[in-house]
């Protein structure tokens, strides 16, 4: 299993050599660069993959901030107005986007797969590829002079999505446990559906519905009855509930990343969508007792 992850990760990361971490964002374009504002880390990481040094990116939801709780402020509005292009994920996930810029470009459109109750569409690799294509196509339409640079980068990203899709399929079909017990929100429905897993989440998709004491007790009961060794949670959430359930059941905690919000450390390290989804796979493989091939 370890060798499988290492070999595949090397292949994918070599293909993604052009992806790099951004430094300080500029409010005005320099040296002909595009000045682009993006809502969350989802469009940010897609833009870094297909545009890289062709654009200065302004990330509106700062690292370490819970994406579902974000509300735009005067600084946000100013940054969007200064940008040449504003990309956001979806109206469902970011209802504030069009309120501050009616010309904003939504990436979650014409998607191959859509779950009505789960706005985390990028957790499906075909959807992620389509969102990156929507971004690339829009920029190439605005800047035809950049087509020769953007198109190869998008092609590489698309191949990386196929590699991730293949690797997930290969590993997930060997999992001995088929239920993800998640002390977090409903963000991994696409993974569960794609790989025939059951997904039990304590929080709703938008984090607005808090779990009741009865729901928590029921989860604890299921974990004990099924002798579950691992439960999952998220870095952006308060760890208190996951720790309590872990102590009550003896199950260890593994982290899953929703990509929409990342830690300051992950941002500084320049973690890409590809990196984060590989880390998710590694923890899923451990937590679900997947054997690999």
C-alpha atoms as a PDB file:
ATOM      1  CA  UNK A   1       0.000   0.000   0.000  1.00  0.00           C
ATOM      2  CA  UNK A   2       2.770   2.422   1.009  1.00  0.00           C
ATOM      3  CA  UNK A   3       4.737   1.797  -2.198  1.00  0.00           C
ATOM      4  CA  UNK A   4       1.562   2.219  -4.262  1.00  0.00           C
ATOM      5  CA  UNK A   5       0.915   5.629  -2.748  1.00  0.00           C
ATOM      6  CA  UNK A   6       4.531   6.755  -3.127  1.00  0.00           C
ATOM      7  CA  UNK A   7       4.856   5.683  -6.765  1.00  0.00           C
ATOM      8  CA  UNK A   8       1.547   7.186  -7.812  1.00  0.00           C
ATOM      9  CA  UNK A   9       2.141  10.400  -5.878  1.00  0.00           C
ATOM     10  CA  UNK A  10       5.526  10.824  -7.592  1.00  0.00           C
ATOM     11  CA  UNK A  11       3.954  10.371 -11.036  1.00  0.00           C
ATOM     12  CA  UNK A  12       1.198  12.873 -10.332  1.00  0.00           C
ATOM     13  CA  UNK A  13       3.484  15.420  -8.698  1.00  0.00           C
ATOM     14  CA  UNK A  14       6.001  15.192 -11.526  1.00  0.00           C
ATOM     15  CA  UNK A  15       3.215  15.887 -13.979  1.00  0.00           C
ATOM     16  CA  UNK A  16       2.213  18.849 -11.852  1.00  0.00           C
ATOM     17  CA  UNK A  17       5.682  20.374 -11.624  1.00  0.00           C
ATOM     18  CA  UNK A  18       4.336  23.662 -12.909  1.00  0.00           C
ATOM     19  CA  UNK A  19       2.134  24.114  -9.816  1.00  0.00           C
ATOM     20  CA  UNK A  20       3.726  26.452  -7.272  1.00  0.00           C
ATOM     21  CA  UNK A  21       2.785  28.352  -4.159  1.00  0.00           C
ATOM     22  CA  UNK A  22       1.852  31.994  -4.586  1.00  0.00           C
ATOM     23  CA  UNK A  23       3.462  34.761  -2.634  1.00  0.00           C
ATOM     24  CA  UNK A  24       1.865  38.035  -1.658  1.00  0.00           C
ATOM     25  CA  UNK A  25      -1.057  38.957  -3.919  1.00  0.00           C
ATOM     26  CA  UNK A  26      -0.957  42.252  -5.796  1.00  0.00           C
ATOM     27  CA  UNK A  27      -4.019  44.427  -6.245  1.00  0.00           C
ATOM     28  CA  UNK A  28      -2.920  45.521  -9.721  1.00  0.00           C
ATOM     29  CA  UNK A  29      -1.540  43.476 -12.640  1.00  0.00           C
ATOM     30  CA  UNK A  30       2.202  43.669 -13.199  1.00  0.00           C
ATOM     31  CA  UNK A  31       4.178  42.766 -16.316  1.00  0.00           C
ATOM     32  CA  UNK A  32       1.010  41.946 -18.225  1.00  0.00           C
ATOM     33  CA  UNK A  33      -0.259  39.490 -15.630  1.00  0.00           C
ATOM     34  CA  UNK A  34      -3.954  38.992 -15.103  1.00  0.00           C
ATOM     35  CA  UNK A  35      -5.388  40.256 -11.839  1.00  0.00           C
ATOM     36  CA  UNK A  36      -7.886  37.637 -10.666  1.00  0.00           C
ATOM     37  CA  UNK A  37      -9.967  37.375  -7.496  1.00  0.00           C
ATOM     38  CA  UNK A  38     -11.194  33.945  -6.390  1.00  0.00           C
ATOM     39  CA  UNK A  39     -13.770  33.147  -3.729  1.00  0.00           C
ATOM     40  CA  UNK A  40     -12.298  30.132  -1.957  1.00  0.00           C
ATOM     41  CA  UNK A  41      -9.405  27.723  -2.189  1.00  0.00           C
ATOM     42  CA  UNK A  42     -11.253  25.587  -4.745  1.00  0.00           C
ATOM     43  CA  UNK A  43     -11.049  28.107  -7.629  1.00  0.00           C
ATOM     44  CA  UNK A  44      -7.688  29.253  -6.248  1.00  0.00           C
ATOM     45  CA  UNK A  45      -6.013  25.870  -6.626  1.00  0.00           C
ATOM     46  CA  UNK A  46      -7.585  25.309 -10.060  1.00  0.00           C
ATOM     47  CA  UNK A  47      -6.348  28.732 -11.181  1.00  0.00           C
ATOM     48  CA  UNK A  48      -2.844  28.000  -9.886  1.00  0.00           C
ATOM     49  CA  UNK A  49      -2.787  24.774 -11.884  1.00  0.00           C
ATOM     50  CA  UNK A  50      -3.889  26.192 -15.231  1.00  0.00           C
ATOM     51  CA  UNK A  51      -2.568  29.765 -14.969  1.00  0.00           C
ATOM     52  CA  UNK A  52       0.318  29.614 -12.499  1.00  0.00           C
ATOM     53  CA  UNK A  53       2.535  32.684 -13.064  1.00  0.00           C
ATOM     54  CA  UNK A  54       0.231  34.193 -15.686  1.00  0.00           C
ATOM     55  CA  UNK A  55      -1.968  35.711 -12.977  1.00  0.00           C
ATOM     56  CA  UNK A  56      -1.834  37.391  -9.601  1.00  0.00           C
ATOM     57  CA  UNK A  57      -4.515  35.713  -7.492  1.00  0.00           C
ATOM     58  CA  UNK A  58      -6.415  37.279  -4.619  1.00  0.00           C
ATOM     59  CA  UNK A  59      -7.988  34.693  -2.295  1.00  0.00           C
ATOM     60  CA  UNK A  60     -11.078  36.227  -0.677  1.00  0.00           C
ATOM     61  CA  UNK A  61     -11.698  33.622   2.027  1.00  0.00           C
ATOM     62  CA  UNK A  62      -8.410  33.656   3.960  1.00  0.00           C
ATOM     63  CA  UNK A  63      -6.668  30.429   5.004  1.00  0.00           C
ATOM     64  CA  UNK A  64      -7.921  29.256   8.390  1.00  0.00           C
ATOM     65  CA  UNK A  65     -11.404  30.762   7.914  1.00  0.00           C
ATOM     66  CA  UNK A  66     -14.391  28.383   7.761  1.00  0.00           C
ATOM     67  CA  UNK A  67     -15.772  28.826   4.248  1.00  0.00           C
ATOM     68  CA  UNK A  68     -19.417  28.277   5.196  1.00  0.00           C
ATOM     69  CA  UNK A  69     -19.237  31.005   7.835  1.00  0.00           C
ATOM     70  CA  UNK A  70     -17.613  33.604   5.588  1.00  0.00           C
ATOM     71  CA  UNK A  71     -19.316  36.945   4.971  1.00  0.00           C
ATOM     72  CA  UNK A  72     -17.797  39.558   2.629  1.00  0.00           C
ATOM     73  CA  UNK A  73     -16.594  42.806   4.158  1.00  0.00           C
ATOM     74  CA  UNK A  74     -15.528  46.151   2.621  1.00  0.00           C
ATOM     75  CA  UNK A  75     -12.026  44.757   1.997  1.00  0.00           C
ATOM     76  CA  UNK A  76     -13.535  41.820   0.081  1.00  0.00           C
ATOM     77  CA  UNK A  77     -15.627  44.109  -2.093  1.00  0.00           C
ATOM     78  CA  UNK A  78     -12.644  46.341  -2.822  1.00  0.00           C
ATOM     79  CA  UNK A  79     -10.497  43.361  -3.873  1.00  0.00           C
ATOM     80  CA  UNK A  80     -13.206  42.090  -6.231  1.00  0.00           C
ATOM     81  CA  UNK A  81     -13.691  45.536  -7.797  1.00  0.00           C
ATOM     82  CA  UNK A  82      -9.946  45.848  -8.420  1.00  0.00           C
ATOM     83  CA  UNK A  83      -9.768  42.451 -10.138  1.00  0.00           C
ATOM     84  CA  UNK A  84     -10.116  41.972 -13.881  1.00  0.00           C
ATOM     85  CA  UNK A  85     -11.891  38.630 -13.361  1.00  0.00           C
ATOM     86  CA  UNK A  86     -13.733  37.165 -10.380  1.00  0.00           C
ATOM     87  CA  UNK A  87     -14.135  33.376 -10.216  1.00  0.00           C
ATOM     88  CA  UNK A  88     -16.332  31.682  -7.631  1.00  0.00           C
ATOM     89  CA  UNK A  89     -17.488  28.120  -7.067  1.00  0.00           C
ATOM     90  CA  UNK A  90     -21.292  28.186  -7.113  1.00  0.00           C
ATOM     91  CA  UNK A  91     -24.360  30.192  -6.125  1.00  0.00           C
ATOM     92  CA  UNK A  92     -25.348  27.451  -3.705  1.00  0.00           C
ATOM     93  CA  UNK A  93     -22.070  27.496  -1.830  1.00  0.00           C
ATOM     94  CA  UNK A  94     -21.310  31.231  -2.131  1.00  0.00           C
ATOM     95  CA  UNK A  95     -24.620  33.114  -2.380  1.00  0.00           C
ATOM     96  CA  UNK A  96     -22.772  36.345  -1.605  1.00  0.00           C
ATOM     97  CA  UNK A  97     -20.643  36.210  -4.774  1.00  0.00           C
ATOM     98  CA  UNK A  98     -23.041  37.750  -7.277  1.00  0.00           C
ATOM     99  CA  UNK A  99     -24.145  40.308  -4.705  1.00  0.00           C
ATOM    100  CA  UNK A 100     -20.714  41.895  -4.805  1.00  0.00           C
ATOM    101  CA  UNK A 101     -20.082  41.326  -8.534  1.00  0.00           C
ATOM    102  CA  UNK A 102     -22.905  40.471 -10.910  1.00  0.00           C
ATOM    103  CA  UNK A 103     -20.311  39.701 -13.586  1.00  0.00           C
ATOM    104  CA  UNK A 104     -18.598  37.037 -11.501  1.00  0.00           C
ATOM    105  CA  UNK A 105     -17.845  33.748 -13.280  1.00  0.00           C
ATOM    106  CA  UNK A 106     -19.258  30.597 -11.683  1.00  0.00           C
ATOM    107  CA  UNK A 107     -17.109  27.506 -12.237  1.00  0.00           C
ATOM    108  CA  UNK A 108     -19.657  24.858 -11.185  1.00  0.00           C
ATOM    109  CA  UNK A 109     -21.636  24.715 -14.413  1.00  0.00           C
ATOM    110  CA  UNK A 110     -22.180  22.018 -17.068  1.00  0.00           C
ATOM    111  CA  UNK A 111     -20.951  19.430 -14.568  1.00  0.00           C
ATOM    112  CA  UNK A 112     -21.062  15.695 -15.345  1.00  0.00           C
ATOM    113  CA  UNK A 113     -22.394  14.792 -11.881  1.00  0.00           C
ATOM    114  CA  UNK A 114     -24.536  16.732  -9.402  1.00  0.00           C
ATOM    115  CA  UNK A 115     -25.903  15.628  -6.026  1.00  0.00           C
ATOM    116  CA  UNK A 116     -28.802  17.941  -5.043  1.00  0.00           C
ATOM    117  CA  UNK A 117     -27.975  17.892  -1.321  1.00  0.00           C
ATOM    118  CA  UNK A 118     -24.196  18.230  -1.628  1.00  0.00           C
ATOM    119  CA  UNK A 119     -22.663  21.453  -3.010  1.00  0.00           C
ATOM    120  CA  UNK A 120     -19.109  20.078  -2.750  1.00  0.00           C
ATOM    121  CA  UNK A 121     -19.088  19.239  -6.451  1.00  0.00           C
ATOM    122  CA  UNK A 122     -15.286  19.382  -6.835  1.00  0.00           C
ATOM    123  CA  UNK A 123     -14.921  16.203  -4.761  1.00  0.00           C
ATOM    124  CA  UNK A 124     -15.768  14.366  -7.984  1.00  0.00           C
ATOM    125  CA  UNK A 125     -12.756  14.308 -10.320  1.00  0.00           C
ATOM    126  CA  UNK A 126     -14.807  14.678 -13.501  1.00  0.00           C
ATOM    127  CA  UNK A 127     -16.430  17.753 -11.983  1.00  0.00           C
ATOM    128  CA  UNK A 128     -13.042  19.133 -10.923  1.00  0.00           C
ATOM    129  CA  UNK A 129     -11.741  18.733 -14.470  1.00  0.00           C
ATOM    130  CA  UNK A 130     -14.801  20.507 -15.862  1.00  0.00           C
ATOM    131  CA  UNK A 131     -14.459  23.402 -13.397  1.00  0.00           C
ATOM    132  CA  UNK A 132     -10.805  23.861 -14.329  1.00  0.00           C
ATOM    133  CA  UNK A 133     -11.788  23.767 -18.000  1.00  0.00           C
ATOM    134  CA  UNK A 134     -14.461  26.425 -17.439  1.00  0.00           C
ATOM    135  CA  UNK A 135     -11.803  28.630 -15.859  1.00  0.00           C
ATOM    136  CA  UNK A 136      -9.224  27.984 -18.561  1.00  0.00           C
ATOM    137  CA  UNK A 137     -11.705  28.497 -21.403  1.00  0.00           C
ATOM    138  CA  UNK A 138     -12.880  31.824 -20.005  1.00  0.00           C
ATOM    139  CA  UNK A 139      -9.355  33.175 -19.621  1.00  0.00           C
ATOM    140  CA  UNK A 140      -8.311  31.952 -23.071  1.00  0.00           C
ATOM    141  CA  UNK A 141     -11.364  33.650 -24.557  1.00  0.00           C
ATOM    142  CA  UNK A 142     -10.359  36.919 -22.897  1.00  0.00           C
ATOM    143  CA  UNK A 143      -6.667  36.503 -23.627  1.00  0.00           C
ATOM    144  CA  UNK A 144      -6.119  34.516 -26.850  1.00  0.00           C
ATOM    145  CA  UNK A 145      -2.428  35.362 -26.649  1.00  0.00           C
ATOM    146  CA  UNK A 146      -2.162  33.047 -23.636  1.00  0.00           C
ATOM    147  CA  UNK A 147      -3.745  29.965 -25.244  1.00  0.00           C
ATOM    148  CA  UNK A 148      -0.387  28.353 -26.031  1.00  0.00           C
ATOM    149  CA  UNK A 149       0.538  28.515 -22.336  1.00  0.00           C
ATOM    150  CA  UNK A 150      -2.810  27.752 -20.702  1.00  0.00           C
ATOM    151  CA  UNK A 151      -3.963  24.843 -22.880  1.00  0.00           C
ATOM    152  CA  UNK A 152      -0.994  22.547 -22.092  1.00  0.00           C
ATOM    153  CA  UNK A 153      -1.375  23.283 -18.376  1.00  0.00           C
ATOM    154  CA  UNK A 154      -5.054  22.415 -18.480  1.00  0.00           C
ATOM    155  CA  UNK A 155      -4.255  19.224 -20.421  1.00  0.00           C
ATOM    156  CA  UNK A 156      -1.828  18.213 -17.684  1.00  0.00           C
ATOM    157  CA  UNK A 157      -4.424  18.947 -14.999  1.00  0.00           C
ATOM    158  CA  UNK A 158      -6.991  16.835 -16.855  1.00  0.00           C
ATOM    159  CA  UNK A 159      -4.551  13.907 -16.997  1.00  0.00           C
ATOM    160  CA  UNK A 160      -3.898  14.277 -13.269  1.00  0.00           C
ATOM    161  CA  UNK A 161      -7.629  14.006 -12.614  1.00  0.00           C
ATOM    162  CA  UNK A 162      -7.697  10.740 -14.570  1.00  0.00           C
ATOM    163  CA  UNK A 163      -4.737   9.481 -12.528  1.00  0.00           C
ATOM    164  CA  UNK A 164      -6.477  10.349  -9.249  1.00  0.00           C
ATOM    165  CA  UNK A 165      -9.713   8.769 -10.454  1.00  0.00           C
ATOM    166  CA  UNK A 166      -7.867   5.564 -11.345  1.00  0.00           C
ATOM    167  CA  UNK A 167      -5.991   5.452  -8.039  1.00  0.00           C
ATOM    168  CA  UNK A 168      -9.118   6.054  -5.943  1.00  0.00           C
ATOM    169  CA  UNK A 169     -10.975   3.335  -7.828  1.00  0.00           C
ATOM    170  CA  UNK A 170      -8.097   0.895  -7.418  1.00  0.00           C
ATOM    171  CA  UNK A 171      -7.794   1.458  -3.659  1.00  0.00           C
ATOM    172  CA  UNK A 172     -11.431   2.000  -2.678  1.00  0.00           C
ATOM    173  CA  UNK A 173     -12.646  -1.275  -4.124  1.00  0.00           C
ATOM    174  CA  UNK A 174     -10.387  -3.158  -1.692  1.00  0.00           C
ATOM    175  CA  UNK A 175     -11.742  -1.511   1.484  1.00  0.00           C
ATOM    176  CA  UNK A 176     -12.924  -3.985   4.099  1.00  0.00           C
ATOM    177  CA  UNK A 177     -15.030  -1.350   5.866  1.00  0.00           C
ATOM    178  CA  UNK A 178     -17.555   0.456   3.655  1.00  0.00           C
ATOM    179  CA  UNK A 179     -18.839   3.195   5.989  1.00  0.00           C
ATOM    180  CA  UNK A 180     -17.196   6.590   6.567  1.00  0.00           C
ATOM    181  CA  UNK A 181     -18.071   7.755  10.101  1.00  0.00           C
ATOM    182  CA  UNK A 182     -17.439  11.464   9.805  1.00  0.00           C
ATOM    183  CA  UNK A 183     -17.501  13.926  12.694  1.00  0.00           C
ATOM    184  CA  UNK A 184     -17.852  16.744  10.225  1.00  0.00           C
ATOM    185  CA  UNK A 185     -20.207  18.037   7.568  1.00  0.00           C
ATOM    186  CA  UNK A 186     -21.782  16.464   4.512  1.00  0.00           C
ATOM    187  CA  UNK A 187     -18.862  17.124   2.172  1.00  0.00           C
ATOM    188  CA  UNK A 188     -17.849  13.709   0.887  1.00  0.00           C
ATOM    189  CA  UNK A 189     -21.049  12.437  -0.688  1.00  0.00           C
ATOM    190  CA  UNK A 190     -19.475  12.399  -4.142  1.00  0.00           C
ATOM    191  CA  UNK A 191     -16.671  10.107  -2.994  1.00  0.00           C
ATOM    192  CA  UNK A 192     -19.153   7.826  -1.240  1.00  0.00           C
ATOM    193  CA  UNK A 193     -21.380   7.546  -4.314  1.00  0.00           C
ATOM    194  CA  UNK A 194     -18.543   7.104  -6.788  1.00  0.00           C
ATOM    195  CA  UNK A 195     -16.896   4.284  -4.817  1.00  0.00           C
ATOM    196  CA  UNK A 196     -19.966   2.597  -3.331  1.00  0.00           C
ATOM    197  CA  UNK A 197     -19.367   3.698   0.248  1.00  0.00           C
ATOM    198  CA  UNK A 198     -21.815   4.675   2.973  1.00  0.00           C
ATOM    199  CA  UNK A 199     -21.266   8.143   4.396  1.00  0.00           C
ATOM    200  CA  UNK A 200     -22.440   9.035   7.918  1.00  0.00           C
ATOM    201  CA  UNK A 201     -21.910  12.743   8.708  1.00  0.00           C
ATOM    202  CA  UNK A 202     -22.939  14.521  11.914  1.00  0.00           C
ATOM    203  CA  UNK A 203     -23.341  17.965  10.336  1.00  0.00           C
ATOM    204  CA  UNK A 204     -25.379  19.135   7.364  1.00  0.00           C
ATOM    205  CA  UNK A 205     -23.787  20.194   4.066  1.00  0.00           C
ATOM    206  CA  UNK A 206     -23.861  23.894   4.968  1.00  0.00           C
ATOM    207  CA  UNK A 207     -22.874  23.437   8.633  1.00  0.00           C
ATOM    208  CA  UNK A 208     -26.055  25.192   9.778  1.00  0.00           C
ATOM    209  CA  UNK A 209     -27.662  22.159  11.398  1.00  0.00           C
ATOM    210  CA  UNK A 210     -25.926  21.142  14.625  1.00  0.00           C
ATOM    211  CA  UNK A 211     -26.120  17.450  15.598  1.00  0.00           C
ATOM    212  CA  UNK A 212     -28.446  16.661  18.475  1.00  0.00           C
ATOM    213  CA  UNK A 213     -27.422  14.736  21.579  1.00  0.00           C
ATOM    214  CA  UNK A 214     -29.509  11.843  20.271  1.00  0.00           C
ATOM    215  CA  UNK A 215     -27.670  11.816  16.935  1.00  0.00           C
ATOM    216  CA  UNK A 216     -24.300  11.880  18.667  1.00  0.00           C
ATOM    217  CA  UNK A 217     -25.341   9.038  20.968  1.00  0.00           C
ATOM    218  CA  UNK A 218     -26.531   7.003  17.983  1.00  0.00           C
ATOM    219  CA  UNK A 219     -23.217   7.504  16.195  1.00  0.00           C
ATOM    220  CA  UNK A 220     -21.296   6.418  19.299  1.00  0.00           C
ATOM    221  CA  UNK A 221     -23.484   3.332  19.556  1.00  0.00           C
ATOM    222  CA  UNK A 222     -22.873   2.375  15.894  1.00  0.00           C
ATOM    223  CA  UNK A 223     -19.120   2.856  16.233  1.00  0.00           C
ATOM    224  CA  UNK A 224     -19.010   0.616  19.314  1.00  0.00           C
ATOM    225  CA  UNK A 225     -21.314  -2.049  17.897  1.00  0.00           C
ATOM    226  CA  UNK A 226     -19.346  -2.271  14.643  1.00  0.00           C
ATOM    227  CA  UNK A 227     -15.964  -2.182  16.388  1.00  0.00           C
ATOM    228  CA  UNK A 228     -14.861   0.791  14.264  1.00  0.00           C
ATOM    229  CA  UNK A 229     -11.169   1.583  14.677  1.00  0.00           C
ATOM    230  CA  UNK A 230     -11.130   4.982  12.938  1.00  0.00           C
ATOM    231  CA  UNK A 231     -13.424   7.977  12.638  1.00  0.00           C
ATOM    232  CA  UNK A 232     -12.889  11.013  10.428  1.00  0.00           C
ATOM    233  CA  UNK A 233     -13.006  14.756  11.024  1.00  0.00           C
ATOM    234  CA  UNK A 234     -11.853  18.060   9.465  1.00  0.00           C
ATOM    235  CA  UNK A 235      -9.025  20.462  10.314  1.00  0.00           C
ATOM    236  CA  UNK A 236     -11.312  23.495  10.114  1.00  0.00           C
ATOM    237  CA  UNK A 237     -13.700  22.226  12.784  1.00  0.00           C
ATOM    238  CA  UNK A 238     -13.466  22.538  16.533  1.00  0.00           C
ATOM    239  CA  UNK A 239     -11.846  19.225  17.559  1.00  0.00           C
ATOM    240  CA  UNK A 240     -13.752  18.930  20.846  1.00  0.00           C
ATOM    241  CA  UNK A 241     -16.610  16.775  19.529  1.00  0.00           C
ATOM    242  CA  UNK A 242     -14.364  14.409  17.577  1.00  0.00           C
ATOM    243  CA  UNK A 243     -12.094  14.028  20.616  1.00  0.00           C
ATOM    244  CA  UNK A 244     -15.066  13.283  22.853  1.00  0.00           C
ATOM    245  CA  UNK A 245     -16.366  10.597  20.487  1.00  0.00           C
ATOM    246  CA  UNK A 246     -12.857   9.191  20.131  1.00  0.00           C
ATOM    247  CA  UNK A 247     -12.467   8.913  23.918  1.00  0.00           C
ATOM    248  CA  UNK A 248     -15.932   7.369  24.258  1.00  0.00           C
ATOM    249  CA  UNK A 249     -15.398   4.735  21.555  1.00  0.00           C
ATOM    250  CA  UNK A 250     -11.641   4.192  21.460  1.00  0.00           C
ATOM    251  CA  UNK A 251     -11.598   4.998  17.732  1.00  0.00           C
ATOM    252  CA  UNK A 252      -8.672   7.007  16.392  1.00  0.00           C
ATOM    253  CA  UNK A 253      -9.227  10.242  14.458  1.00  0.00           C
ATOM    254  CA  UNK A 254      -8.128  10.705  10.844  1.00  0.00           C
ATOM    255  CA  UNK A 255      -8.508  13.964   8.946  1.00  0.00           C
ATOM    256  CA  UNK A 256     -10.243  14.580   5.632  1.00  0.00           C
ATOM    257  CA  UNK A 257      -9.835  17.812   3.704  1.00  0.00           C
ATOM    258  CA  UNK A 258     -12.759  19.467   1.904  1.00  0.00           C
ATOM    259  CA  UNK A 259     -10.366  21.705  -0.127  1.00  0.00           C
ATOM    260  CA  UNK A 260     -12.756  24.673   0.156  1.00  0.00           C
ATOM    261  CA  UNK A 261     -10.981  25.879   3.286  1.00  0.00           C
ATOM    262  CA  UNK A 262      -7.392  25.119   4.232  1.00  0.00           C
ATOM    263  CA  UNK A 263      -5.113  25.899   7.138  1.00  0.00           C
ATOM    264  CA  UNK A 264      -2.521  28.656   7.060  1.00  0.00           C
ATOM    265  CA  UNK A 265       0.194  26.012   7.084  1.00  0.00           C
ATOM    266  CA  UNK A 266      -1.260  24.220   4.054  1.00  0.00           C
ATOM    267  CA  UNK A 267      -1.518  27.509   2.182  1.00  0.00           C
ATOM    268  CA  UNK A 268       2.090  28.414   2.994  1.00  0.00           C
ATOM    269  CA  UNK A 269       3.222  24.980   1.808  1.00  0.00           C
ATOM    270  CA  UNK A 270       1.361  25.506  -1.463  1.00  0.00           C
ATOM    271  CA  UNK A 271      -0.813  22.404  -1.108  1.00  0.00           C
ATOM    272  CA  UNK A 272      -2.704  21.758  -4.344  1.00  0.00           C
ATOM    273  CA  UNK A 273      -6.025  20.056  -4.976  1.00  0.00           C
ATOM    274  CA  UNK A 274      -4.018  17.057  -6.116  1.00  0.00           C
ATOM    275  CA  UNK A 275      -1.984  16.998  -2.890  1.00  0.00           C
ATOM    276  CA  UNK A 276      -5.051  17.279  -0.672  1.00  0.00           C
ATOM    277  CA  UNK A 277      -6.986  14.570  -2.493  1.00  0.00           C
ATOM    278  CA  UNK A 278      -3.999  12.213  -2.242  1.00  0.00           C
ATOM    279  CA  UNK A 279      -3.866  12.882   1.498  1.00  0.00           C
ATOM    280  CA  UNK A 280      -7.596  12.156   1.718  1.00  0.00           C
ATOM    281  CA  UNK A 281      -7.086   8.865  -0.093  1.00  0.00           C
ATOM    282  CA  UNK A 282      -4.257   7.870   2.215  1.00  0.00           C
ATOM    283  CA  UNK A 283      -6.399   8.450   5.320  1.00  0.00           C
ATOM    284  CA  UNK A 284      -9.452   6.794   3.777  1.00  0.00           C
ATOM    285  CA  UNK A 285      -7.333   3.752   2.941  1.00  0.00           C
ATOM    286  CA  UNK A 286      -6.147   3.516   6.552  1.00  0.00           C
ATOM    287  CA  UNK A 287      -9.525   4.218   8.128  1.00  0.00           C
ATOM    288  CA  UNK A 288     -11.507   1.861   5.893  1.00  0.00           C
ATOM    289  CA  UNK A 289      -8.891  -0.901   5.973  1.00  0.00           C
ATOM    290  CA  UNK A 290      -8.187  -0.897   2.253  1.00  0.00           C
ATOM    291  CA  UNK A 291      -5.672  -3.481   1.098  1.00  0.00           C
ATOM    292  CA  UNK A 292      -4.483  -2.029  -2.201  1.00  0.00           C
ATOM    293  CA  UNK A 293      -3.291  -4.093  -5.121  1.00  0.00           C
END
